[in-house]
């Protein structure tokens, strides 16, 4: 499907291209903010590259801090989300000297 007015870019979320200030109508993060070593800097950069009045959309995993409750709600596959979070997201998100933790598997209280 060709969308002539849509472009996709991949950048380091905490330090995007300097020329991108006020460039984008919309920025979206899908299931990735919790993986950032510095999610605070990623959000700051998103604000910088959005045009005034631009749209920021962030989609994160749906879950709580209770594996048993999530298993009852979402089925056995919920355990896989916790495994991925522990063995991938935690490792990626903590791989920086200046890390700040926002870990999605802690979920809501």
Protein backbone atom coordinates (compact mmCIF):
# COMPACT_ATOMS: atom_id res chain seq x y z
CA UNK A 1 0.00 0.00 0.00
CA UNK A 2 1.54 3.28 -1.07
CA UNK A 3 0.89 6.31 1.09
CA UNK A 4 2.49 9.34 -0.58
CA UNK A 5 2.17 11.58 2.48
CA UNK A 6 3.53 9.06 5.03
CA UNK A 7 7.19 8.37 5.79
CA UNK A 8 8.69 6.03 8.37
CA UNK A 9 11.99 6.82 10.09
CA UNK A 10 14.08 4.92 12.59
CA UNK A 11 16.30 7.02 14.86
CA UNK A 12 17.93 7.00 18.26
CA UNK A 13 14.95 8.23 20.25
CA UNK A 14 16.99 10.24 22.74
CA UNK A 15 18.90 12.22 20.11
CA UNK A 16 17.12 12.54 16.77
CA UNK A 17 18.41 14.51 13.79
CA UNK A 18 18.88 18.17 14.83
CA UNK A 19 17.21 19.49 11.65
CA UNK A 20 13.96 17.77 12.63
CA UNK A 21 12.74 20.43 15.09
CA UNK A 22 9.03 21.16 14.47
CA UNK A 23 9.06 18.81 11.44
CA UNK A 24 6.44 16.11 12.03
CA UNK A 25 2.66 16.19 12.23
CA UNK A 26 2.61 12.89 14.15
CA UNK A 27 5.09 10.71 16.03
CA UNK A 28 4.20 7.22 17.27
CA UNK A 29 5.98 4.75 19.54
CA UNK A 30 4.63 1.21 19.46
CA UNK A 31 5.59 -1.08 22.36
CA UNK A 32 9.02 0.52 22.70
CA UNK A 33 9.05 3.33 25.25
CA UNK A 34 9.69 0.90 28.09
CA UNK A 35 12.77 -0.37 26.21
CA UNK A 36 14.47 3.02 26.13
CA UNK A 37 17.46 3.54 28.40
CA UNK A 38 16.29 7.15 28.83
CA UNK A 39 12.56 7.30 28.10
CA UNK A 40 12.50 10.82 29.54
CA UNK A 41 14.90 12.00 26.82
CA UNK A 42 12.96 10.13 24.15
CA UNK A 43 9.73 11.92 25.13
CA UNK A 44 11.59 15.26 25.21
CA UNK A 45 12.91 14.63 21.68
CA UNK A 46 9.46 13.67 20.44
CA UNK A 47 8.13 16.97 21.72
CA UNK A 48 10.98 18.78 19.92
CA UNK A 49 10.38 17.16 16.52
CA UNK A 50 6.58 17.56 16.58
CA UNK A 51 5.10 20.56 14.83
CA UNK A 52 3.11 22.84 17.13
CA UNK A 53 -0.23 21.08 17.66
CA UNK A 54 1.26 17.79 16.42
CA UNK A 55 0.04 14.40 17.64
CA UNK A 56 2.04 11.99 19.79
CA UNK A 57 0.72 8.44 20.08
CA UNK A 58 2.23 5.81 22.36
CA UNK A 59 1.04 2.21 22.54
CA UNK A 60 2.36 0.03 25.34
CA UNK A 61 1.61 -3.48 26.52
CA UNK A 62 -1.58 -3.97 28.54
CA UNK A 63 -0.96 -5.68 31.83
CA UNK A 64 -0.76 -5.40 35.58
CA UNK A 65 1.97 -6.23 38.05
CA UNK A 66 0.34 -9.59 38.80
CA UNK A 67 1.30 -12.48 36.47
CA UNK A 68 -1.47 -14.72 37.81
CA UNK A 69 -4.14 -12.05 37.26
CA UNK A 70 -2.87 -11.36 33.74
CA UNK A 71 -2.84 -15.09 32.97
CA UNK A 72 -6.51 -15.27 34.01
CA UNK A 73 -7.36 -12.17 31.96
CA UNK A 74 -5.24 -12.71 28.83
CA UNK A 75 -4.62 -16.47 28.88
CA UNK A 76 -1.37 -18.43 29.05
CA UNK A 77 0.29 -16.17 26.45
CA UNK A 78 0.49 -13.46 29.14
CA UNK A 79 3.40 -15.34 30.69
CA UNK A 80 5.35 -14.86 27.45
CA UNK A 81 5.01 -11.07 27.82
CA UNK A 82 6.59 -11.24 31.27
CA UNK A 83 9.39 -13.46 29.95
CA UNK A 84 10.11 -11.04 27.11
CA UNK A 85 10.04 -8.13 29.53
CA UNK A 86 12.51 -9.75 31.93
CA UNK A 87 14.90 -11.21 29.36
CA UNK A 88 14.76 -8.51 26.67
CA UNK A 89 13.22 -5.22 27.80
CA UNK A 90 14.96 -5.10 31.17
CA UNK A 91 18.32 -5.92 29.61
CA UNK A 92 17.93 -3.39 26.79
CA UNK A 93 16.54 -0.67 29.02
CA UNK A 94 19.34 -0.98 31.54
CA UNK A 95 22.18 -0.98 29.01
CA UNK A 96 23.34 2.58 29.63
CA UNK A 97 25.26 4.39 32.35
CA UNK A 98 22.58 7.09 32.54
CA UNK A 99 19.57 4.75 32.50
CA UNK A 100 16.20 5.69 33.99
CA UNK A 101 13.76 2.85 34.56
CA UNK A 102 10.19 2.84 33.30
CA UNK A 103 9.48 -0.87 33.16
CA UNK A 104 6.08 -1.85 31.76
CA UNK A 105 5.91 -5.21 33.50
CA UNK A 106 5.41 -3.43 36.81
CA UNK A 107 2.10 -2.32 35.34
CA UNK A 108 -0.58 -0.66 37.37
CA UNK A 109 -1.04 -1.23 41.07
